[in-house]
Amino acid sequence: MHKSGFVNIVGNPNVGKSTLMNALVGERISIITSKAQTTRHRILGIVNGDDFQIVYSDTPGVLKPNYRLQESMLKFSRSALSDADVLLYVTDVFDSYEKNEDFVEKVKLNPAPLLLIINKIDLIDEEKLVVLVEKWKELLPRAEIYPVSALEKFNIDSLFSRIKDLLPESPPFFDKDQLTDKPAKFFVTEIIREKILMNYEKEIPYSVEVEVEQFQEDDRLIRINAVIYAERDSQKGILIGHGGKSLKKVGTEARKDMEVFFDKKVFLELFVKVEKDWRNKDTKLRGFGYSLD
């Protein structure tokens, strides 16, 4: 008997959804930083065994949208409720139920098997954890609760086993050697965006998007040209930095990560362009791969 299913990961921003998916998949698929809203797309990570295939879906954190980009991000999160064979609702020891009560109510009504993941338990004592577990039992009585530390990989194995148990009987949805549904260019943009999130403060990381203009691969080398789009000229100046130092730092860090990810030498060129108010322009958002309809 072969089992396959879509296991969708939802929850508020910055509770560790991407770290959890990477721990479950065993590869670095999703962007991870300490900043909220780092996942903008719905990202699939695929785990294969002889008699199973788990298709994980990491979604953007649930938030009330302030512009068109965030509307698209919320749509990705809501879509994860509609096609889940198993639903993972991720919270952490600092998260508040009141942040998105309406979304939690939708989770309650979802018919899929529900696993509630309390993440970052390495940061509190056992007494506080017991109180937290009891609170979530009241809020989501049908959920199976798994306290974990995704970063430390604590209790991940037992969670993985339970997910496998809950999978429906089905042939695989994807080829057995496939790790994700995303193309190589997508991971280039995610790695560059991660370095921007790590190296710049305030609104800069949330005001940029990355587009790969050239991706050429041969046996020894990958050549990549990528454009970082900012919304204002002042942001372009900050991104480049004095004498180009800031952009060079981002490029060097991104190139090193890409070489590990692709297991090949990478030649990376970065450019910065201004596209005013791109987060509210439907044509640009669609070009960057966001779904708006």
Protein backbone atom coordinates (compact mmCIF):
# COMPACT_ATOMS: atom_id res chain seq x y z
CA MET A 1 0.00 0.00 0.00
CA HIS A 2 1.32 3.43 -1.00
CA LYS A 3 0.31 6.60 0.89
CA SER A 4 0.52 10.20 -0.35
CA GLY A 5 -0.91 13.49 0.80
CA PHE A 6 -0.64 17.26 1.06
CA VAL A 7 0.47 18.39 4.52
CA ASN A 8 -0.12 22.12 4.79
CA ILE A 9 1.61 24.35 7.35
CA VAL A 10 -0.27 27.47 8.48
CA GLY A 11 -0.07 29.97 11.35
CA ASN A 12 0.85 33.52 12.32
CA PRO A 13 4.03 35.22 11.05
CA ASN A 14 7.34 34.43 12.74
CA VAL A 15 6.27 31.32 14.70
CA GLY A 16 8.77 29.08 12.88
CA LYS A 17 6.71 27.57 10.04
CA SER A 18 9.62 27.65 7.58
CA THR A 19 12.07 26.23 10.15
CA LEU A 20 9.59 23.43 10.84
CA MET A 21 9.15 22.58 7.17
CA ASN A 22 12.90 22.55 6.60
CA ALA A 23 13.29 20.23 9.61
CA LEU A 24 10.59 17.89 8.27
CA VAL A 25 11.88 17.93 4.69
CA GLY A 26 15.54 17.66 5.69
CA GLU A 27 16.59 20.28 3.13
CA ARG A 28 16.70 24.05 3.22
CA ILE A 29 13.64 24.92 1.12
CA SER A 30 12.10 27.95 2.85
CA ILE A 31 13.57 31.30 3.81
CA ILE A 32 14.36 31.54 7.54
CA THR A 33 15.18 34.80 9.33
CA SER A 34 14.14 36.40 12.60
CA LYS A 35 11.96 38.90 10.73
CA ALA A 36 8.23 38.33 10.17
CA GLN A 37 6.67 37.95 6.69
CA THR A 38 9.73 36.27 5.19
CA THR A 39 7.69 33.67 3.26
CA ARG A 40 5.75 35.33 0.43
CA HIS A 41 4.85 32.35 -1.72
CA ARG A 42 3.39 28.93 -1.06
CA ILE A 43 6.39 26.62 -1.20
CA LEU A 44 6.18 22.86 -1.62
CA GLY A 45 8.77 20.52 -0.15
CA ILE A 46 8.50 16.82 -1.01
CA VAL A 47 9.63 13.88 1.12
CA ASN A 48 9.68 10.41 -0.49
CA GLY A 49 9.92 6.92 0.95
CA ASP A 50 9.40 3.51 -0.61
CA ASP A 51 5.73 3.44 0.37
CA PHE A 52 4.89 7.12 0.94
CA GLN A 53 5.15 10.65 -0.42
CA ILE A 54 4.55 13.70 1.80
CA VAL A 55 4.01 17.01 0.00
CA TYR A 56 4.58 19.77 2.55
CA SER A 57 3.34 23.29 1.88
CA ASP A 58 4.89 26.24 3.74
CA THR A 59 2.61 29.29 3.55
CA PRO A 60 3.03 33.00 4.36
CA GLY A 61 2.10 33.99 7.90
CA VAL A 62 -1.53 35.05 8.31
CA LEU A 63 -1.83 38.83 8.48
CA LYS A 64 -4.35 41.53 7.66
CA PRO A 65 -3.31 42.88 4.23
CA ASN A 66 -2.25 46.51 3.81
CA TYR A 67 -1.41 46.31 0.09
CA ARG A 68 -1.88 44.03 -2.91
CA LEU A 69 1.23 41.95 -2.23
CA GLN A 70 -0.08 41.01 1.22
CA GLU A 71 -3.50 40.17 -0.27
CA SER A 72 -1.74 37.61 -2.46
CA MET A 73 0.18 36.26 0.57
CA LEU A 74 -3.07 35.84 2.52
CA LYS A 75 -4.63 34.03 -0.45
CA PHE A 76 -1.78 31.48 -0.38
CA SER A 77 -2.45 30.87 3.33
CA ARG A 78 -6.21 30.47 2.86
CA SER A 79 -5.74 28.13 -0.10
CA ALA A 80 -3.77 25.81 2.19
CA LEU A 81 -6.98 25.15 4.14
CA SER A 82 -8.87 23.95 1.09
CA ASP A 83 -6.57 21.19 -0.19
CA ALA A 84 -4.98 19.77 2.99
CA ASP A 85 -4.96 16.04 3.69
CA VAL A 86 -3.30 16.88 7.02
CA LEU A 87 -3.23 20.39 8.49
CA LEU A 88 -0.41 21.63 10.73
CA TYR A 89 -1.34 24.77 12.66
CA VAL A 90 1.88 26.22 14.03
CA THR A 91 2.01 28.50 17.05
CA ASP A 92 4.87 29.18 19.46
CA VAL A 93 5.35 29.92 23.14
CA PHE A 94 5.01 33.68 22.55
CA ASP A 95 2.14 33.64 20.03
CA SER A 96 -1.30 35.06 20.77
CA TYR A 97 -4.55 33.38 19.72
CA GLU A 98 -6.19 36.81 19.44
CA LYS A 99 -3.87 37.85 16.57
CA ASN A 100 -6.04 36.10 13.97
CA GLU A 101 -9.12 34.67 15.66
CA ASP A 102 -11.06 34.49 12.39
CA PHE A 103 -8.36 32.31 10.77
CA VAL A 104 -8.27 29.99 13.81
CA GLU A 105 -12.06 29.64 13.48
CA LYS A 106 -11.56 28.56 9.84
CA VAL A 107 -8.98 26.01 11.03
CA LYS A 108 -11.52 24.70 13.56
CA LEU A 109 -14.06 24.07 10.79
CA ASN A 110 -11.59 22.40 8.43
CA PRO A 111 -12.35 18.67 8.09
CA ALA A 112 -8.71 17.55 7.63
CA PRO A 113 -6.84 15.86 10.51
CA LEU A 114 -5.38 18.68 12.61
CA LEU A 115 -2.01 18.71 14.36
CA LEU A 116 -1.32 21.74 16.55
CA ILE A 117 2.41 22.42 16.77
CA ILE A 118 3.66 24.49 19.72
CA ASN A 119 7.13 25.56 18.59
CA LYS A 120 10.15 27.02 20.45
CA ILE A 121 9.48 25.04 23.62
CA ASP A 122 13.21 25.18 24.41
CA LEU A 123 12.61 28.83 25.39
CA ILE A 124 10.19 28.23 28.30
CA ASP A 125 10.00 25.95 31.36
CA GLU A 126 7.79 22.87 31.65
CA GLU A 127 5.26 24.49 33.97
CA LYS A 128 4.45 27.26 31.48
CA LEU A 129 4.28 24.73 28.66
CA VAL A 130 1.64 22.68 30.51
CA VAL A 131 -0.52 25.83 30.88
CA LEU A 132 -0.07 26.58 27.17
CA VAL A 133 -1.05 23.06 26.12
CA GLU A 134 -4.22 23.24 28.24
CA LYS A 135 -5.15 26.59 26.71
CA TRP A 136 -4.83 25.22 23.16
CA LYS A 137 -6.81 22.09 24.11
CA GLU A 138 -9.70 24.39 24.97
CA LEU A 139 -9.34 26.47 21.80
CA LEU A 140 -8.90 23.55 19.36
CA PRO A 141 -10.29 20.48 21.15
CA ARG A 142 -10.05 18.15 18.14
CA ALA A 143 -6.36 18.91 17.51
CA GLU A 144 -3.53 16.57 18.42
CA ILE A 145 -0.91 18.73 20.17
CA TYR A 146 2.82 18.37 19.51
CA PRO A 147 5.24 20.57 21.51
CA VAL A 148 8.45 20.87 19.45
CA SER A 149 11.61 22.86 18.90
CA ALA A 150 12.02 22.99 15.12
CA LEU A 151 15.41 24.71 15.45
CA GLU A 152 16.75 22.05 17.85
CA LYS A 153 14.81 19.29 16.00
CA PHE A 154 13.20 18.19 19.28
CA ASN A 155 10.14 15.91 18.86
CA ILE A 156 10.34 16.23 15.05
CA ASP A 157 10.70 12.46 14.54
CA SER A 158 7.48 11.63 16.43
CA LEU A 159 5.63 14.40 14.55
CA PHE A 160 6.92 13.01 11.24
CA SER A 161 5.74 9.50 12.18
CA ARG A 162 2.26 10.77 13.03
CA ILE A 163 2.03 12.67 9.74
CA LYS A 164 2.90 9.45 7.86
CA ASP A 165 0.19 7.57 9.79
CA LEU A 166 -2.44 10.14 8.78
CA LEU A 167 -1.67 10.10 5.04
CA PRO A 168 -4.43 8.73 2.81
CA GLU A 169 -3.82 5.78 0.53
CA SER A 170 -2.77 7.22 -2.84
CA PRO A 171 -0.16 6.93 -5.60
CA PRO A 172 2.56 9.65 -5.56
CA PHE A 173 1.65 13.10 -6.92
CA PHE A 174 5.20 13.92 -8.05
CA ASP A 175 8.22 12.01 -9.37
CA LYS A 176 9.95 10.16 -6.55
CA ASP A 177 13.25 12.01 -7.04
CA GLN A 178 11.60 15.45 -6.88
CA LEU A 179 12.37 17.66 -3.85
CA THR A 180 10.13 20.63 -4.61
CA ASP A 181 7.73 22.03 -7.21
CA LYS A 182 9.75 25.24 -7.56
CA PRO A 183 12.34 25.85 -10.33
CA ALA A 184 15.99 26.65 -9.62
CA LYS A 185 15.43 30.38 -10.35
CA PHE A 186 12.94 30.55 -7.48
CA PHE A 187 15.57 29.48 -4.96
CA VAL A 188 18.03 32.02 -6.35
CA THR A 189 15.53 34.81 -5.65
CA GLU A 190 14.74 33.40 -2.18
CA ILE A 191 18.42 33.20 -1.20
CA ILE A 192 19.06 36.78 -2.36
CA ARG A 193 15.94 38.00 -0.54
CA GLU A 194 17.05 36.22 2.63
CA LYS A 195 20.39 38.07 2.54
CA ILE A 196 18.56 41.38 2.08
CA LEU A 197 16.38 40.56 5.09
CA MET A 198 19.49 39.83 7.14
CA ASN A 199 21.54 42.87 6.09
CA TYR A 200 19.07 45.79 5.98
CA GLU A 201 16.78 47.36 8.56
CA LYS A 202 13.34 49.01 8.65
CA GLU A 203 11.24 48.95 5.50
CA ILE A 204 13.97 48.00 3.00
CA PRO A 205 13.55 44.18 3.17
CA TYR A 206 9.78 44.46 2.74
CA SER A 207 9.98 46.94 -0.15
CA VAL A 208 12.11 44.84 -2.51
CA GLU A 209 11.58 41.95 -4.88
CA VAL A 210 14.16 39.92 -6.80
CA GLU A 211 13.96 38.76 -10.40
CA VAL A 212 16.43 36.47 -12.19
CA GLU A 213 17.17 37.75 -15.68
CA GLN A 214 19.76 35.14 -16.62
CA PHE A 215 20.42 31.60 -15.37
CA GLN A 216 22.94 29.67 -17.46
CA GLU A 217 24.34 26.36 -16.24
CA ASP A 218 27.08 24.13 -17.63
CA ASP A 219 29.02 21.23 -16.15
CA ARG A 220 31.25 23.41 -13.95
CA LEU A 221 29.50 26.74 -13.37
CA ILE A 222 26.17 28.55 -13.02
CA ARG A 223 26.04 32.14 -14.28
CA ILE A 224 23.29 34.26 -12.75
CA ASN A 225 22.20 37.85 -13.36
CA ALA A 226 19.55 39.09 -10.93
CA VAL A 227 17.75 42.40 -10.42
CA ILE A 228 16.67 43.72 -7.03
CA TYR A 229 13.63 45.98 -7.46
CA ALA A 230 13.15 48.80 -4.94
CA GLU A 231 10.18 51.17 -4.68
CA ARG A 232 12.12 54.45 -4.32
CA ASP A 233 15.42 55.99 -5.40
CA SER A 234 16.42 56.46 -1.75
CA GLN A 235 16.01 52.69 -1.19
CA LYS A 236 18.20 51.99 -4.22
CA GLY A 237 20.95 54.08 -2.67
CA ILE A 238 20.72 52.21 0.64
CA LEU A 239 20.73 48.83 -1.11
CA ILE A 240 23.89 49.68 -3.06
CA GLY A 241 25.63 51.38 -0.14
CA HIS A 242 28.75 53.54 -0.11
CA GLY A 243 30.99 52.49 -2.97
CA GLY A 244 28.73 49.50 -3.61
CA LYS A 245 29.82 47.80 -0.37
CA SER A 246 26.36 46.80 0.86
CA LEU A 247 25.32 45.20 -2.44
CA LYS A 248 28.66 43.41 -2.70
CA LYS A 249 28.16 41.92 0.79
CA VAL A 250 24.68 40.65 -0.13
CA GLY A 251 26.06 39.20 -3.38
CA THR A 252 28.96 37.41 -1.68
CA GLU A 253 26.75 35.87 1.03
CA ALA A 254 24.10 34.84 -1.52
CA ARG A 255 26.68 33.31 -3.87
CA LYS A 256 28.15 31.17 -1.08
CA ASP A 257 24.71 29.84 -0.13
CA MET A 258 23.87 29.15 -3.77
CA GLU A 259 27.08 27.15 -4.21
CA VAL A 260 26.07 24.97 -1.24
CA PHE A 261 22.47 24.67 -2.49
CA PHE A 262 23.37 23.77 -6.10
CA ASP A 263 26.66 22.00 -5.21
CA LYS A 264 28.39 23.93 -7.99
CA LYS A 265 30.43 27.11 -8.49
CA VAL A 266 28.27 30.20 -9.04
CA PHE A 267 29.06 33.50 -10.77
CA LEU A 268 26.48 36.04 -9.52
CA GLU A 269 25.89 39.60 -10.74
CA LEU A 270 23.38 41.80 -8.91
CA PHE A 271 21.73 45.00 -10.18
CA VAL A 272 19.31 47.38 -8.45
CA LYS A 273 16.40 49.07 -10.27
CA VAL A 274 13.51 51.25 -9.10
CA GLU A 275 9.94 50.15 -9.81
CA LYS A 276 7.74 52.66 -8.01
CA ASP A 277 4.97 51.18 -5.84
CA TRP A 278 5.45 47.66 -7.27
CA ARG A 279 3.65 46.07 -4.28
CA ASN A 280 0.37 47.57 -5.51
CA LYS A 281 0.83 46.93 -9.26
CA ASP A 282 -1.02 43.84 -10.45
CA THR A 283 1.07 43.40 -13.60
CA LYS A 284 4.35 43.47 -11.66
CA LEU A 285 3.02 41.17 -8.94
CA ARG A 286 1.87 38.62 -11.52
CA GLY A 287 5.28 38.88 -13.19
CA PHE A 288 6.89 38.04 -9.85
CA GLY A 289 4.67 34.95 -9.55
CA TYR A 290 1.97 36.16 -7.14
CA SER A 291 -1.62 35.00 -7.59
CA LEU A 292 -4.20 37.82 -7.41
CA ASP A 293 -7.40 36.41 -8.92
